[in-house]
Structure formats: structure tokens, C-alpha cells
Amino acid sequence: MTLFDTDVFVEILIGNSRFVKRASEIPRDQQGVTIVTVEEVLR
């Protein structure tokens, strides 16, 4: 399981190609974020 911290997750959300490429190499069922990251992004 790979957990993305808030900074990395935001880079993926805004479409930073370097981060998106790396994340795409990890199977989707092995990706995740913590509830803390969810709360920080939703603020």
C-alpha cells in the first residue's frame, strides 16, 4: 500500500505530470490517502 501525503496528493490533483506519472505506476488498489489528507484537501 502506498499512502500519498497531502503535498503529493495535491500535486496529483492539479495534474503535475511528474507526480501523475509516478502514481500511475502504482496499482490503483494499492493507492490511498489518510483521513487527515482528506480533511486538509476539503478545507
PDB file of N, CA and C in Angstrom:
ATOM      1  N   MET A   1       0.849  -1.182   0.000  1.00  0.00           N
ATOM      2  CA  MET A   1       0.000   0.000   0.000  1.00  0.00           C
ATOM      3  C   MET A   1       0.889   1.237   0.000  1.00  0.00           C
ATOM      4  N   THR A   2       0.551   2.166  -0.861  1.00  0.00           N
ATOM      5  CA  THR A   2       1.248   3.448  -0.925  1.00  0.00           C
ATOM      6  C   THR A   2       0.278   4.535  -0.503  1.00  0.00           C
ATOM      7  N   LEU A   3       0.608   5.242   0.583  1.00  0.00           N
ATOM      8  CA  LEU A   3      -0.214   6.358   1.039  1.00  0.00           C
ATOM      9  C   LEU A   3       0.417   7.658   0.582  1.00  0.00           C
ATOM     10  N   PHE A   4      -0.387   8.503  -0.052  1.00  0.00           N
ATOM     11  CA  PHE A   4       0.092   9.803  -0.502  1.00  0.00           C
ATOM     12  C   PHE A   4      -0.157  10.840   0.585  1.00  0.00           C
ATOM     13  N   ASP A   5       0.875  11.612   0.923  1.00  0.00           N
ATOM     14  CA  ASP A   5       0.653  12.702   1.867  1.00  0.00           C
ATOM     15  C   ASP A   5      -0.053  13.841   1.142  1.00  0.00           C
ATOM     16  N   THR A   6      -0.439  14.854   1.891  1.00  0.00           N
ATOM     17  CA  THR A   6      -1.231  15.947   1.323  1.00  0.00           C
ATOM     18  C   THR A   6      -0.516  16.641   0.178  1.00  0.00           C
ATOM     19  N   ASP A   7       0.762  16.930   0.340  1.00  0.00           N
ATOM     20  CA  ASP A   7       1.503  17.641  -0.711  1.00  0.00           C
ATOM     21  C   ASP A   7       1.530  16.846  -2.014  1.00  0.00           C
ATOM     22  N   VAL A   8       1.802  15.571  -1.920  1.00  0.00           N
ATOM     23  CA  VAL A   8       1.853  14.721  -3.113  1.00  0.00           C
ATOM     24  C   VAL A   8       0.458  14.590  -3.720  1.00  0.00           C
ATOM     25  N   PHE A   9      -0.544  14.389  -2.883  1.00  0.00           N
ATOM     26  CA  PHE A   9      -1.911  14.232  -3.373  1.00  0.00           C
ATOM     27  C   PHE A   9      -2.387  15.478  -4.120  1.00  0.00           C
ATOM     28  N   VAL A  10      -2.071  16.649  -3.598  1.00  0.00           N
ATOM     29  CA  VAL A  10      -2.451  17.899  -4.270  1.00  0.00           C
ATOM     30  C   VAL A  10      -1.747  18.005  -5.619  1.00  0.00           C
ATOM     31  N   GLU A  11      -0.482  17.631  -5.682  1.00  0.00           N
ATOM     32  CA  GLU A  11       0.236  17.662  -6.966  1.00  0.00           C
ATOM     33  C   GLU A  11      -0.438  16.746  -7.989  1.00  0.00           C
ATOM     34  N   ILE A  12      -0.904  15.603  -7.542  1.00  0.00           N
ATOM     35  CA  ILE A  12      -1.627  14.696  -8.436  1.00  0.00           C
ATOM     36  C   ILE A  12      -2.947  15.339  -8.868  1.00  0.00           C
ATOM     37  N   LEU A  13      -3.662  15.934  -7.930  1.00  0.00           N
ATOM     38  CA  LEU A  13      -4.950  16.562  -8.247  1.00  0.00           C
ATOM     39  C   LEU A  13      -4.823  17.695  -9.254  1.00  0.00           C
ATOM     40  N   ILE A  14      -3.742  18.472  -9.158  1.00  0.00           N
ATOM     41  CA  ILE A  14      -3.588  19.601 -10.086  1.00  0.00           C
ATOM     42  C   ILE A  14      -2.952  19.170 -11.401  1.00  0.00           C
ATOM     43  N   GLY A  15      -2.578  17.899 -11.488  1.00  0.00           N
ATOM     44  CA  GLY A  15      -2.097  17.355 -12.754  1.00  0.00           C
ATOM     45  C   GLY A  15      -0.616  17.499 -13.018  1.00  0.00           C
ATOM     46  N   ASN A  16       0.184  17.651 -11.973  1.00  0.00           N
ATOM     47  CA  ASN A  16       1.638  17.711 -12.150  1.00  0.00           C
ATOM     48  C   ASN A  16       2.091  16.397 -12.798  1.00  0.00           C
ATOM     49  N   SER A  17       2.601  16.498 -14.014  1.00  0.00           N
ATOM     50  CA  SER A  17       2.895  15.295 -14.806  1.00  0.00           C
ATOM     51  C   SER A  17       3.886  14.354 -14.133  1.00  0.00           C
ATOM     52  N   ARG A  18       4.847  14.889 -13.419  1.00  0.00           N
ATOM     53  CA  ARG A  18       5.828  14.033 -12.740  1.00  0.00           C
ATOM     54  C   ARG A  18       5.146  13.163 -11.684  1.00  0.00           C
ATOM     55  N   PHE A  19       4.256  13.766 -10.912  1.00  0.00           N
ATOM     56  CA  PHE A  19       3.568  13.038  -9.854  1.00  0.00           C
ATOM     57  C   PHE A  19       2.518  12.086 -10.429  1.00  0.00           C
ATOM     58  N   VAL A  20       1.804  12.538 -11.449  1.00  0.00           N
ATOM     59  CA  VAL A  20       0.782  11.698 -12.079  1.00  0.00           C
ATOM     60  C   VAL A  20       1.424  10.465 -12.706  1.00  0.00           C
ATOM     61  N   LYS A  21       2.562  10.650 -13.369  1.00  0.00           N
ATOM     62  CA  LYS A  21       3.260   9.516 -13.989  1.00  0.00           C
ATOM     63  C   LYS A  21       3.665   8.493 -12.940  1.00  0.00           C
ATOM     64  N   ARG A  22       4.245   8.979 -11.861  1.00  0.00           N
ATOM     65  CA  ARG A  22       4.689   8.062 -10.803  1.00  0.00           C
ATOM     66  C   ARG A  22       3.502   7.337 -10.173  1.00  0.00           C
ATOM     67  N   ALA A  23       2.429   8.073  -9.909  1.00  0.00           N
ATOM     68  CA  ALA A  23       1.247   7.456  -9.304  1.00  0.00           C
ATOM     69  C   ALA A  23       0.634   6.418 -10.238  1.00  0.00           C
ATOM     70  N   SER A  24       0.692   6.671 -11.542  1.00  0.00           N
ATOM     71  CA  SER A  24       0.099   5.730 -12.500  1.00  0.00           C
ATOM     72  C   SER A  24       0.853   4.406 -12.553  1.00  0.00           C
ATOM     73  N   GLU A  25       2.058   4.391 -12.037  1.00  0.00           N
ATOM     74  CA  GLU A  25       2.853   3.161 -11.997  1.00  0.00           C
ATOM     75  C   GLU A  25       2.489   2.274 -10.806  1.00  0.00           C
ATOM     76  N   ILE A  26       1.682   2.805  -9.898  1.00  0.00           N
ATOM     77  CA  ILE A  26       1.255   2.064  -8.710  1.00  0.00           C
ATOM     78  C   ILE A  26      -0.176   1.582  -8.955  1.00  0.00           C
ATOM     79  N   PRO A  27      -0.445   0.292  -8.782  1.00  0.00           N
ATOM     80  CA  PRO A  27      -1.814  -0.198  -8.993  1.00  0.00           C
ATOM     81  C   PRO A  27      -2.819   0.588  -8.135  1.00  0.00           C
ATOM     82  N   ARG A  28      -3.972   0.890  -8.724  1.00  0.00           N
ATOM     83  CA  ARG A  28      -4.973   1.710  -8.018  1.00  0.00           C
ATOM     84  C   ARG A  28      -5.395   1.103  -6.692  1.00  0.00           C
ATOM     85  N   ASP A  29      -5.472  -0.217  -6.633  1.00  0.00           N
ATOM     86  CA  ASP A  29      -5.890  -0.832  -5.374  1.00  0.00           C
ATOM     87  C   ASP A  29      -4.789  -0.798  -4.323  1.00  0.00           C
ATOM     88  N   GLN A  30      -3.635  -0.260  -4.684  1.00  0.00           N
ATOM     89  CA  GLN A  30      -2.518  -0.113  -3.755  1.00  0.00           C
ATOM     90  C   GLN A  30      -2.250   1.352  -3.405  1.00  0.00           C
ATOM     91  N   GLN A  31      -3.142   2.266  -3.822  1.00  0.00           N
ATOM     92  CA  GLN A  31      -3.002   3.690  -3.544  1.00  0.00           C
ATOM     93  C   GLN A  31      -3.997   4.107  -2.471  1.00  0.00           C
ATOM     94  N   GLY A  32      -3.591   5.081  -1.663  1.00  0.00           N
ATOM     95  CA  GLY A  32      -4.517   5.580  -0.659  1.00  0.00           C
ATOM     96  C   GLY A  32      -4.063   6.900  -0.071  1.00  0.00           C
ATOM     97  N   VAL A  33      -4.970   7.508   0.665  1.00  0.00           N
ATOM     98  CA  VAL A  33      -4.666   8.711   1.440  1.00  0.00           C
ATOM     99  C   VAL A  33      -5.267   8.518   2.822  1.00  0.00           C
ATOM    100  N   THR A  34      -4.748   9.247   3.783  1.00  0.00           N
ATOM    101  CA  THR A  34      -5.291   9.158   5.137  1.00  0.00           C
ATOM    102  C   THR A  34      -6.471  10.113   5.278  1.00  0.00           C
ATOM    103  N   ILE A  35      -7.237   9.943   6.325  1.00  0.00           N
ATOM    104  CA  ILE A  35      -8.348  10.848   6.610  1.00  0.00           C
ATOM    105  C   ILE A  35      -7.829  12.264   6.859  1.00  0.00           C
ATOM    106  N   VAL A  36      -6.624  12.379   7.381  1.00  0.00           N
ATOM    107  CA  VAL A  36      -6.025  13.702   7.596  1.00  0.00           C
ATOM    108  C   VAL A  36      -5.849  14.411   6.256  1.00  0.00           C
ATOM    109  N   THR A  37      -5.354  13.704   5.256  1.00  0.00           N
ATOM    110  CA  THR A  37      -5.193  14.289   3.919  1.00  0.00           C
ATOM    111  C   THR A  37      -6.547  14.698   3.352  1.00  0.00           C
ATOM    112  N   VAL A  38      -7.547  13.862   3.503  1.00  0.00           N
ATOM    113  CA  VAL A  38      -8.889  14.194   3.013  1.00  0.00           C
ATOM    114  C   VAL A  38      -9.376  15.482   3.664  1.00  0.00           C
ATOM    115  N   GLU A  39      -9.253  15.590   4.966  1.00  0.00           N
ATOM    116  CA  GLU A  39      -9.695  16.790   5.687  1.00  0.00           C
ATOM    117  C   GLU A  39      -8.928  18.029   5.228  1.00  0.00           C
ATOM    118  N   GLU A  40      -7.627  17.900   5.048  1.00  0.00           N
ATOM    119  CA  GLU A  40      -6.825  19.051   4.618  1.00  0.00           C
ATOM    120  C   GLU A  40      -7.206  19.515   3.217  1.00  0.00           C
ATOM    121  N   VAL A  41      -7.487  18.583   2.332  1.00  0.00           N
ATOM    122  CA  VAL A  41      -7.844  18.938   0.957  1.00  0.00           C
ATOM    123  C   VAL A  41      -9.241  19.561   0.900  1.00  0.00           C
ATOM    124  N   LEU A  42     -10.143  19.098   1.730  1.00  0.00           N
ATOM    125  CA  LEU A  42     -11.512  19.608   1.709  1.00  0.00           C
ATOM    126  C   LEU A  42     -11.672  20.966   2.384  1.00  0.00           C
ATOM    127  N   ARG A  43     -10.673  21.414   3.098  1.00  0.00           N
ATOM    128  CA  ARG A  43     -10.771  22.727   3.771  1.00  0.00           C
ATOM    129  C   ARG A  43     -10.687  23.843   2.808  1.00  0.00           C
TER     130      ARG A  43
END
